[in-house]
Amino acid sequence: MCRFIIRDKGIESNGKKIIEELKKREEARQIRRKQADWNYINNQPTKLKLALVHYIETGDLYVSAKIAGITMEEFNEQRIKARIPHVN
């Protein structure tokens, strides 16, 4: 019986950590969405536009750069021009 109680507490603890992480990710996503220059983003070529939107939604610089077909450094320059903040 004790074993199950300990396991349940572990699951509960992990569940709380997961929920906290999801909340942090959603807050970061909202900040990126709110501060982004959507006029700039919408006037970019399709691949770059999709990559910028992907970054806003995920915060994943590496994959976003791959989507755009440019280096991470070049994508980061575009992120800055689009006024998308880097939020951890």
Protein backbone atom coordinates (compact mmCIF):
# COMPACT_ATOMS: atom_id res chain seq x y z
CA MET A 1 0.00 0.00 0.00
CA CYS A 2 2.83 2.42 0.78
CA ARG A 3 4.37 1.82 -2.61
CA PHE A 4 1.28 3.03 -4.40
CA ILE A 5 1.04 6.15 -2.26
CA ILE A 6 4.65 7.05 -3.06
CA ARG A 7 4.07 6.41 -6.75
CA ASP A 8 0.90 8.48 -6.71
CA LYS A 9 2.75 11.39 -5.12
CA GLY A 10 5.42 11.07 -7.81
CA ILE A 11 2.80 11.12 -10.54
CA GLU A 12 1.07 14.06 -8.91
CA SER A 13 4.37 15.93 -8.65
CA ASN A 14 5.22 15.22 -12.29
CA GLY A 15 1.73 16.26 -13.33
CA LYS A 16 2.12 19.60 -11.55
CA LYS A 17 5.49 20.15 -13.22
CA ILE A 18 4.00 19.41 -16.62
CA ILE A 19 1.10 21.81 -16.01
CA GLU A 20 3.53 24.54 -14.88
CA GLU A 21 5.67 24.02 -17.99
CA LEU A 22 2.61 24.19 -20.26
CA LYS A 23 1.52 27.43 -18.57
CA LYS A 24 4.98 28.95 -19.08
CA ARG A 25 4.98 27.95 -22.74
CA GLU A 26 1.52 29.47 -23.27
CA GLU A 27 2.57 32.71 -21.57
CA ALA A 28 5.66 32.91 -23.79
CA ARG A 29 3.53 32.22 -26.88
CA GLN A 30 1.12 35.00 -25.93
CA ILE A 31 3.97 37.47 -25.42
CA ARG A 32 5.46 36.59 -28.83
CA ARG A 33 2.04 36.90 -30.53
CA LYS A 34 1.26 40.23 -28.91
CA GLN A 35 4.59 41.90 -29.63
CA ALA A 36 5.14 40.57 -33.15
CA ASP A 37 4.95 42.97 -36.09
CA TRP A 38 2.23 41.17 -38.04
CA ASN A 39 2.40 43.61 -40.97
CA TYR A 40 6.08 42.75 -41.43
CA ILE A 41 5.41 39.02 -41.05
CA ASN A 42 2.51 38.98 -43.51
CA ASN A 43 4.58 40.77 -46.15
CA GLN A 44 7.36 38.16 -46.17
CA PRO A 45 7.79 35.34 -48.68
CA THR A 46 5.71 32.28 -47.82
CA LYS A 47 8.50 30.12 -46.37
CA LEU A 48 9.79 32.91 -44.13
CA LYS A 49 6.26 33.88 -43.08
CA LEU A 50 5.49 30.27 -42.10
CA ALA A 51 8.78 30.03 -40.25
CA LEU A 52 8.12 33.23 -38.29
CA VAL A 53 4.65 32.01 -37.33
CA HIS A 54 6.14 28.66 -36.31
CA TYR A 55 8.62 30.49 -34.09
CA ILE A 56 5.84 32.54 -32.51
CA GLU A 57 3.93 29.37 -31.71
CA THR A 58 6.84 27.22 -30.52
CA GLY A 59 9.86 29.39 -29.76
CA ASP A 60 11.98 26.86 -31.68
CA LEU A 61 14.66 28.83 -33.50
CA TYR A 62 16.34 25.78 -35.05
CA VAL A 63 13.24 24.29 -36.69
CA SER A 64 11.99 27.73 -37.74
CA ALA A 65 15.28 28.42 -39.53
CA LYS A 66 15.02 25.05 -41.28
CA ILE A 67 11.47 25.85 -42.41
CA ALA A 68 12.68 29.17 -43.85
CA GLY A 69 15.68 27.50 -45.49
CA ILE A 70 18.16 29.91 -43.89
CA THR A 71 20.75 29.76 -41.13
CA MET A 72 19.80 30.25 -37.51
CA GLU A 73 21.70 33.55 -37.51
CA GLU A 74 19.79 34.79 -40.57
CA PHE A 75 16.50 33.67 -39.04
CA ASN A 76 17.32 35.40 -35.78
CA GLU A 77 17.88 38.64 -37.74
CA GLN A 78 14.44 38.19 -39.31
CA ARG A 79 12.95 37.49 -35.88
CA ILE A 80 14.36 40.78 -34.62
CA LYS A 81 13.06 42.68 -37.68
CA ALA A 82 9.63 41.13 -37.03
CA ARG A 83 9.86 42.36 -33.42
CA ILE A 84 9.33 38.88 -32.04
CA PRO A 85 10.90 38.71 -28.58
CA HIS A 86 13.02 35.79 -27.47
CA VAL A 87 11.10 34.54 -24.45
CA ASN A 88 12.30 31.63 -22.29
